[in-house]
N, C-alpha and C. Protein backbone atom coordinates (compact mmCIF):
# COMPACT_ATOMS: atom_id res chain seq x y z
N MET A 1 0.81 -1.20 0.00
CA MET A 1 0.00 0.00 0.00
C MET A 1 0.86 1.26 0.00
N GLU A 2 1.92 1.24 0.81
CA GLU A 2 2.79 2.40 0.86
C GLU A 2 3.54 2.58 -0.45
N GLU A 3 3.86 1.49 -1.13
CA GLU A 3 4.57 1.60 -2.40
C GLU A 3 3.71 2.31 -3.44
N ASN A 4 2.40 2.06 -3.44
CA ASN A 4 1.51 2.72 -4.39
C ASN A 4 1.45 4.23 -4.12
N ILE A 5 1.44 4.59 -2.86
CA ILE A 5 1.41 6.02 -2.52
C ILE A 5 2.71 6.68 -2.97
N ASN A 6 3.84 6.02 -2.76
CA ASN A 6 5.12 6.57 -3.17
C ASN A 6 5.21 6.68 -4.69
N ASN A 7 4.66 5.73 -5.41
CA ASN A 7 4.67 5.79 -6.87
C ASN A 7 3.86 6.97 -7.37
N LYS A 8 2.72 7.23 -6.76
CA LYS A 8 1.90 8.36 -7.17
C LYS A 8 2.61 9.68 -6.87
N GLU A 9 3.31 9.75 -5.75
CA GLU A 9 4.04 10.97 -5.42
C GLU A 9 5.16 11.20 -6.42
N ARG A 10 5.79 10.15 -6.86
CA ARG A 10 6.88 10.29 -7.83
C ARG A 10 6.35 10.80 -9.15
N GLU A 11 5.14 10.45 -9.51
CA GLU A 11 4.56 10.92 -10.76
C GLU A 11 4.36 12.43 -10.75
N TYR A 12 4.09 12.99 -9.61
CA TYR A 12 3.86 14.43 -9.52
C TYR A 12 5.15 15.23 -9.46
N ALA A 13 6.26 14.57 -9.23
CA ALA A 13 7.54 15.27 -9.09
C ALA A 13 8.33 15.27 -10.39
N VAL A 14 7.64 15.23 -11.52
CA VAL A 14 8.31 15.22 -12.82
C VAL A 14 8.61 16.65 -13.24
N LYS A 15 9.82 16.88 -13.73
CA LYS A 15 10.21 18.20 -14.19
C LYS A 15 9.47 18.52 -15.49
N PRO A 16 8.90 19.72 -15.61
CA PRO A 16 8.19 20.06 -16.84
C PRO A 16 9.15 20.18 -18.02
N ASN A 17 8.66 19.92 -19.20
CA ASN A 17 9.49 19.91 -20.40
C ASN A 17 9.53 21.26 -21.12
N HIS A 18 8.89 22.27 -20.58
CA HIS A 18 8.88 23.57 -21.24
C HIS A 18 9.97 24.47 -20.64
N THR A 19 10.35 25.48 -21.38
CA THR A 19 11.33 26.45 -20.91
C THR A 19 10.75 27.85 -21.04
N GLN A 20 11.30 28.77 -20.26
CA GLN A 20 10.87 30.16 -20.32
C GLN A 20 11.48 30.80 -21.57
N PRO A 21 10.72 31.65 -22.26
CA PRO A 21 11.31 32.35 -23.40
C PRO A 21 12.33 33.37 -22.92
N LYS A 22 13.35 33.64 -23.73
CA LYS A 22 14.36 34.62 -23.37
C LYS A 22 13.75 36.01 -23.36
N LEU A 23 14.24 36.84 -22.46
CA LEU A 23 13.74 38.21 -22.40
C LEU A 23 14.12 39.01 -23.63
N ASN A 24 15.31 38.75 -24.15
CA ASN A 24 15.79 39.47 -25.32
C ASN A 24 15.80 38.50 -26.49
N ASN A 25 14.80 38.56 -27.32
CA ASN A 25 14.70 37.66 -28.47
C ASN A 25 15.39 38.25 -29.70
N GLY A 26 16.32 39.16 -29.51
CA GLY A 26 16.98 39.80 -30.63
C GLY A 26 16.21 40.97 -31.19
N LYS A 27 15.11 41.33 -30.57
CA LYS A 27 14.28 42.42 -31.07
C LYS A 27 14.78 43.78 -30.58
N ASP A 28 15.45 43.82 -29.43
CA ASP A 28 15.89 45.07 -28.84
C ASP A 28 17.35 45.31 -29.18
N SER A 29 17.59 46.19 -30.14
CA SER A 29 18.97 46.46 -30.56
C SER A 29 19.70 47.35 -29.55
N MET A 30 18.99 48.01 -28.68
CA MET A 30 19.60 48.91 -27.70
C MET A 30 19.93 48.20 -26.38
N PHE A 31 19.72 46.91 -26.31
CA PHE A 31 19.91 46.17 -25.06
C PHE A 31 21.34 46.29 -24.55
N LYS A 32 22.31 46.14 -25.42
CA LYS A 32 23.72 46.21 -25.03
C LYS A 32 24.06 47.61 -24.51
N TYR A 33 23.60 48.64 -25.20
CA TYR A 33 23.88 50.01 -24.78
C TYR A 33 23.21 50.34 -23.46
N ARG A 34 21.99 49.85 -23.28
CA ARG A 34 21.30 50.08 -22.01
C ARG A 34 22.03 49.42 -20.86
N ASN A 35 22.56 48.22 -21.08
CA ASN A 35 23.32 47.54 -20.03
C ASN A 35 24.59 48.32 -19.68
N ILE A 36 25.27 48.86 -20.67
CA ILE A 36 26.47 49.65 -20.41
C ILE A 36 26.12 50.90 -19.61
N ILE A 37 25.03 51.57 -19.98
CA ILE A 37 24.60 52.76 -19.25
C ILE A 37 24.19 52.40 -17.83
N ASN A 38 23.53 51.26 -17.64
CA ASN A 38 23.15 50.83 -16.29
C ASN A 38 24.37 50.54 -15.43
N ILE A 39 25.39 49.91 -15.99
CA ILE A 39 26.60 49.63 -15.23
C ILE A 39 27.28 50.95 -14.83
N ALA A 40 27.35 51.89 -15.77
CA ALA A 40 27.94 53.20 -15.46
C ALA A 40 27.13 53.90 -14.37
N PHE A 41 25.80 53.81 -14.44
CA PHE A 41 24.95 54.41 -13.40
C PHE A 41 25.24 53.81 -12.04
N MET A 42 25.33 52.49 -11.96
CA MET A 42 25.56 51.84 -10.66
C MET A 42 26.92 52.22 -10.08
N VAL A 43 27.95 52.25 -10.94
CA VAL A 43 29.29 52.60 -10.46
C VAL A 43 29.32 54.05 -9.97
N LEU A 44 28.73 54.96 -10.76
CA LEU A 44 28.70 56.36 -10.36
C LEU A 44 27.87 56.58 -9.10
N ALA A 45 26.75 55.88 -8.98
CA ALA A 45 25.91 56.04 -7.79
C ALA A 45 26.64 55.58 -6.54
N ILE A 46 27.30 54.45 -6.61
CA ILE A 46 28.04 53.94 -5.44
C ILE A 46 29.20 54.88 -5.11
N ALA A 47 29.95 55.30 -6.14
CA ALA A 47 31.07 56.21 -5.91
C ALA A 47 30.59 57.54 -5.35
N GLY A 48 29.49 58.06 -5.88
CA GLY A 48 28.96 59.33 -5.40
C GLY A 48 28.52 59.28 -3.95
N VAL A 49 27.87 58.20 -3.57
CA VAL A 49 27.43 58.06 -2.18
C VAL A 49 28.64 57.93 -1.25
N ILE A 50 29.62 57.16 -1.67
CA ILE A 50 30.82 57.00 -0.83
C ILE A 50 31.55 58.34 -0.68
N ILE A 51 31.74 59.06 -1.78
CA ILE A 51 32.44 60.35 -1.72
C ILE A 51 31.63 61.35 -0.90
N TYR A 52 30.31 61.35 -1.06
CA TYR A 52 29.47 62.31 -0.34
C TYR A 52 29.48 62.05 1.16
N THR A 53 29.45 60.78 1.55
CA THR A 53 29.32 60.47 2.98
C THR A 53 30.65 60.34 3.70
N LYS A 54 31.70 59.92 3.03
CA LYS A 54 32.97 59.61 3.71
C LYS A 54 34.05 60.67 3.55
N SER A 55 33.83 61.71 2.77
CA SER A 55 34.88 62.71 2.59
C SER A 55 34.31 64.11 2.78
N ASP A 56 35.19 65.07 2.65
CA ASP A 56 34.78 66.47 2.79
C ASP A 56 34.35 67.08 1.46
N PHE A 57 34.41 66.31 0.39
CA PHE A 57 34.04 66.80 -0.94
C PHE A 57 32.55 66.55 -1.21
N LYS A 58 31.71 67.26 -0.48
CA LYS A 58 30.26 67.06 -0.61
C LYS A 58 29.76 67.48 -1.99
N ILE A 59 30.26 68.58 -2.50
CA ILE A 59 29.79 69.07 -3.80
C ILE A 59 30.21 68.10 -4.91
N THR A 60 31.42 67.58 -4.82
CA THR A 60 31.88 66.61 -5.83
C THR A 60 31.01 65.36 -5.81
N GLY A 61 30.69 64.87 -4.62
CA GLY A 61 29.81 63.71 -4.50
C GLY A 61 28.43 64.00 -5.05
N ALA A 62 27.91 65.18 -4.79
CA ALA A 62 26.59 65.55 -5.31
C ALA A 62 26.59 65.63 -6.83
N VAL A 63 27.68 66.17 -7.40
CA VAL A 63 27.78 66.26 -8.86
C VAL A 63 27.83 64.87 -9.48
N ILE A 64 28.58 63.97 -8.87
CA ILE A 64 28.65 62.60 -9.37
C ILE A 64 27.28 61.93 -9.30
N LEU A 65 26.55 62.17 -8.22
CA LEU A 65 25.20 61.60 -8.09
C LEU A 65 24.25 62.18 -9.13
N ILE A 66 24.36 63.47 -9.41
CA ILE A 66 23.51 64.09 -10.43
C ILE A 66 23.81 63.50 -11.81
N ILE A 67 25.10 63.29 -12.11
CA ILE A 67 25.47 62.68 -13.39
C ILE A 67 24.91 61.26 -13.48
N ALA A 68 24.93 60.53 -12.37
CA ALA A 68 24.38 59.17 -12.35
C ALA A 68 22.88 59.19 -12.64
N VAL A 69 22.17 60.14 -12.05
CA VAL A 69 20.73 60.24 -12.27
C VAL A 69 20.44 60.60 -13.73
N VAL A 70 21.24 61.48 -14.31
CA VAL A 70 21.06 61.84 -15.73
C VAL A 70 21.26 60.61 -16.61
N LEU A 71 22.28 59.80 -16.30
CA LEU A 71 22.48 58.55 -17.05
C LEU A 71 21.28 57.63 -16.92
N LYS A 72 20.70 57.55 -15.75
CA LYS A 72 19.53 56.70 -15.56
C LYS A 72 18.34 57.22 -16.36
N PHE A 73 18.16 58.53 -16.42
CA PHE A 73 17.10 59.10 -17.25
C PHE A 73 17.31 58.75 -18.72
N ILE A 74 18.55 58.81 -19.17
CA ILE A 74 18.86 58.45 -20.57
C ILE A 74 18.51 56.99 -20.83
N GLU A 75 18.88 56.11 -19.89
CA GLU A 75 18.58 54.68 -20.06
C GLU A 75 17.08 54.43 -20.09
N VAL A 76 16.35 55.07 -19.20
CA VAL A 76 14.90 54.88 -19.17
C VAL A 76 14.25 55.41 -20.44
N SER A 77 14.74 56.55 -20.93
CA SER A 77 14.16 57.08 -22.17
C SER A 77 14.47 56.16 -23.36
N LEU A 78 15.66 55.56 -23.38
CA LEU A 78 15.95 54.59 -24.44
C LEU A 78 15.01 53.39 -24.37
N ARG A 79 14.72 52.97 -23.16
CA ARG A 79 13.82 51.80 -23.00
C ARG A 79 12.40 52.15 -23.39
N MET A 80 11.95 53.34 -23.03
CA MET A 80 10.54 53.70 -23.25
C MET A 80 10.26 54.13 -24.69
N PHE A 81 11.17 54.89 -25.27
CA PHE A 81 10.86 55.54 -26.55
C PHE A 81 11.50 54.85 -27.76
N HIS A 82 12.34 53.86 -27.54
CA HIS A 82 12.95 53.16 -28.67
C HIS A 82 11.97 52.13 -29.21
N LYS A 83 11.83 52.09 -30.52
CA LYS A 83 10.88 51.14 -31.11
C LYS A 83 11.59 50.07 -31.87
């Protein structure tokens, strides 16, 4: 009796044969550029926060953070308005 229950449980533990479609099916030509801009944004944001909080160069840190935000706006506009 227990063997039948175990067999039925094994039937439900089968891995499905389907896969998720890729997010980038080659339709978005700006994908590479957006990734580069995102990496630059993250590096500038981290550097700006560190400079702003850990040093006496508050204005320099603020300028770096503003540049990072401008890069993020550019990336978002590429994502939204590119066809």
